[in-house]
């Protein structure tokens, strides 16, 4: 093997080693990024679950409120009818 071929082979090996080193660093960096994103996803999932639970509570309160309003309106109507009946008795 000639000296030129040896030097070319040495250069290719050196470049390959540098490329492998860079790829290892990039892989490590990407692995850390994946961990960070997984942690962020977990945190946001927990927050979303908490918000969904709060929404369910609010929906329940709104439903109960509407039911109470309907009951109040019914009671108000009955009281107004009774007052009207009492006024007719007084007038009669």
C-alpha atoms as a PDB file:
ATOM      1  CA  UNK A   1       0.000   0.000   0.000  1.00  0.00           C
ATOM      2  CA  UNK A   2       1.406   3.360  -0.964  1.00  0.00           C
ATOM      3  CA  UNK A   3       1.931   6.222   1.429  1.00  0.00           C
ATOM      4  CA  UNK A   4      -0.752   8.311  -0.290  1.00  0.00           C
ATOM      5  CA  UNK A   5      -3.313   5.558   0.146  1.00  0.00           C
ATOM      6  CA  UNK A   6      -2.361   5.185   3.804  1.00  0.00           C
ATOM      7  CA  UNK A   7      -2.706   8.924   4.383  1.00  0.00           C
ATOM      8  CA  UNK A   8      -6.062   8.941   2.587  1.00  0.00           C
ATOM      9  CA  UNK A   9      -7.233   5.985   4.695  1.00  0.00           C
ATOM     10  CA  UNK A  10      -6.006   7.730   7.861  1.00  0.00           C
ATOM     11  CA  UNK A  11      -7.904  10.884   6.876  1.00  0.00           C
ATOM     12  CA  UNK A  12     -11.080   8.909   6.203  1.00  0.00           C
ATOM     13  CA  UNK A  13     -10.770   7.126   9.543  1.00  0.00           C
ATOM     14  CA  UNK A  14     -10.166  10.429  11.356  1.00  0.00           C
ATOM     15  CA  UNK A  15     -13.211  11.986   9.635  1.00  0.00           C
ATOM     16  CA  UNK A  16     -15.294   8.935  10.496  1.00  0.00           C
ATOM     17  CA  UNK A  17     -14.223   9.107  14.156  1.00  0.00           C
ATOM     18  CA  UNK A  18     -15.087  12.831  14.260  1.00  0.00           C
ATOM     19  CA  UNK A  19     -18.453  12.153  12.655  1.00  0.00           C
ATOM     20  CA  UNK A  20     -19.181   9.371  15.154  1.00  0.00           C
ATOM     21  CA  UNK A  21     -18.227  11.704  18.007  1.00  0.00           C
ATOM     22  CA  UNK A  22     -20.510  14.446  16.693  1.00  0.00           C
ATOM     23  CA  UNK A  23     -23.346  11.976  16.192  1.00  0.00           C
ATOM     24  CA  UNK A  24     -22.927  10.687  19.770  1.00  0.00           C
ATOM     25  CA  UNK A  25     -23.102  14.247  21.095  1.00  0.00           C
ATOM     26  CA  UNK A  26     -26.159  14.980  18.976  1.00  0.00           C
ATOM     27  CA  UNK A  27     -27.796  11.736  20.089  1.00  0.00           C
ATOM     28  CA  UNK A  28     -27.126  12.615  23.723  1.00  0.00           C
ATOM     29  CA  UNK A  29     -28.548  16.093  23.195  1.00  0.00           C
ATOM     30  CA  UNK A  30     -31.627  14.706  21.471  1.00  0.00           C
ATOM     31  CA  UNK A  31     -32.078  12.134  24.238  1.00  0.00           C
ATOM     32  CA  UNK A  32     -32.061  14.938  26.816  1.00  0.00           C
ATOM     33  CA  UNK A  33     -34.554  16.882  24.701  1.00  0.00           C
ATOM     34  CA  UNK A  34     -36.831  13.835  24.551  1.00  0.00           C
ATOM     35  CA  UNK A  35     -36.666  13.499  28.348  1.00  0.00           C
ATOM     36  CA  UNK A  36     -37.489  17.196  28.769  1.00  0.00           C
ATOM     37  CA  UNK A  37     -40.422  16.954  26.359  1.00  0.00           C
ATOM     38  CA  UNK A  38     -41.741  13.806  28.042  1.00  0.00           C
ATOM     39  CA  UNK A  39     -41.574  15.558  31.411  1.00  0.00           C
ATOM     40  CA  UNK A  40     -43.331  18.612  29.963  1.00  0.00           C
ATOM     41  CA  UNK A  41     -45.993  16.381  28.414  1.00  0.00           C
ATOM     42  CA  UNK A  42     -46.538  14.631  31.729  1.00  0.00           C
ATOM     43  CA  UNK A  43     -46.865  17.951  33.524  1.00  0.00           C
ATOM     44  CA  UNK A  44     -49.307  19.306  30.949  1.00  0.00           C
ATOM     45  CA  UNK A  45     -51.308  16.079  31.030  1.00  0.00           C
ATOM     46  CA  UNK A  46     -51.649  16.413  34.808  1.00  0.00           C
ATOM     47  CA  UNK A  47     -52.718  20.040  34.419  1.00  0.00           C
ATOM     48  CA  UNK A  48     -55.241  19.072  31.746  1.00  0.00           C
ATOM     49  CA  UNK A  49     -56.677  16.331  33.947  1.00  0.00           C
ATOM     50  CA  UNK A  50     -56.972  18.805  36.810  1.00  0.00           C
ATOM     51  CA  UNK A  51     -58.725  21.341  34.568  1.00  0.00           C
ATOM     52  CA  UNK A  52     -61.102  18.669  33.273  1.00  0.00           C
ATOM     53  CA  UNK A  53     -61.992  17.736  36.849  1.00  0.00           C
ATOM     54  CA  UNK A  54     -62.608  21.406  37.663  1.00  0.00           C
ATOM     55  CA  UNK A  55     -64.743  21.762  34.525  1.00  0.00           C
ATOM     56  CA  UNK A  56     -66.861  18.813  35.618  1.00  0.00           C
ATOM     57  CA  UNK A  57     -67.395  20.506  38.992  1.00  0.00           C
ATOM     58  CA  UNK A  58     -68.356  23.770  37.303  1.00  0.00           C
ATOM     59  CA  UNK A  59     -70.733  21.947  34.946  1.00  0.00           C
ATOM     60  CA  UNK A  60     -72.377  20.272  37.936  1.00  0.00           C
ATOM     61  CA  UNK A  61     -72.745  23.609  39.727  1.00  0.00           C
ATOM     62  CA  UNK A  62     -74.218  25.226  36.612  1.00  0.00           C
ATOM     63  CA  UNK A  63     -76.683  22.363  36.235  1.00  0.00           C
ATOM     64  CA  UNK A  64     -77.699  22.597  39.895  1.00  0.00           C
ATOM     65  CA  UNK A  65     -78.032  26.356  39.579  1.00  0.00           C
ATOM     66  CA  UNK A  66     -80.360  26.006  36.597  1.00  0.00           C
ATOM     67  CA  UNK A  67     -82.427  23.461  38.473  1.00  0.00           C
ATOM     68  CA  UNK A  68     -82.667  25.768  41.501  1.00  0.00           C
ATOM     69  CA  UNK A  69     -83.677  28.671  39.264  1.00  0.00           C
ATOM     70  CA  UNK A  70     -86.445  26.570  37.747  1.00  0.00           C
ATOM     71  CA  UNK A  71     -87.635  25.560  41.215  1.00  0.00           C
ATOM     72  CA  UNK A  72     -87.501  29.193  42.357  1.00  0.00           C
ATOM     73  CA  UNK A  73     -89.552  30.294  39.351  1.00  0.00           C
ATOM     74  CA  UNK A  74     -92.106  27.556  40.027  1.00  0.00           C
ATOM     75  CA  UNK A  75     -92.375  28.545  43.707  1.00  0.00           C
ATOM     76  CA  UNK A  76     -92.647  32.213  42.747  1.00  0.00           C
ATOM     77  CA  UNK A  77     -95.452  31.389  40.332  1.00  0.00           C
ATOM     78  CA  UNK A  78     -97.313  29.356  42.977  1.00  0.00           C
ATOM     79  CA  UNK A  79     -96.948  32.148  45.525  1.00  0.00           C
ATOM     80  CA  UNK A  80     -98.216  34.694  43.009  1.00  0.00           C
ATOM     81  CA  UNK A  81    -101.211  32.417  42.303  1.00  0.00           C
ATOM     82  CA  UNK A  82    -101.913  32.079  46.036  1.00  0.00           C
ATOM     83  CA  UNK A  83    -101.699  35.859  46.501  1.00  0.00           C
ATOM     84  CA  UNK A  84    -104.049  36.310  43.578  1.00  0.00           C
ATOM     85  CA  UNK A  85    -106.474  33.814  45.117  1.00  0.00           C
ATOM     86  CA  UNK A  86    -106.285  35.553  48.495  1.00  0.00           C
ATOM     87  CA  UNK A  87    -106.938  38.901  46.852  1.00  0.00           C
ATOM     88  CA  UNK A  88    -110.021  37.454  45.140  1.00  0.00           C
ATOM     89  CA  UNK A  89    -111.257  36.148  48.494  1.00  0.00           C
ATOM     90  CA  UNK A  90    -110.747  39.588  50.079  1.00  0.00           C
ATOM     91  CA  UNK A  91    -112.550  41.254  47.182  1.00  0.00           C
ATOM     92  CA  UNK A  92    -115.360  38.755  47.151  1.00  0.00           C
END
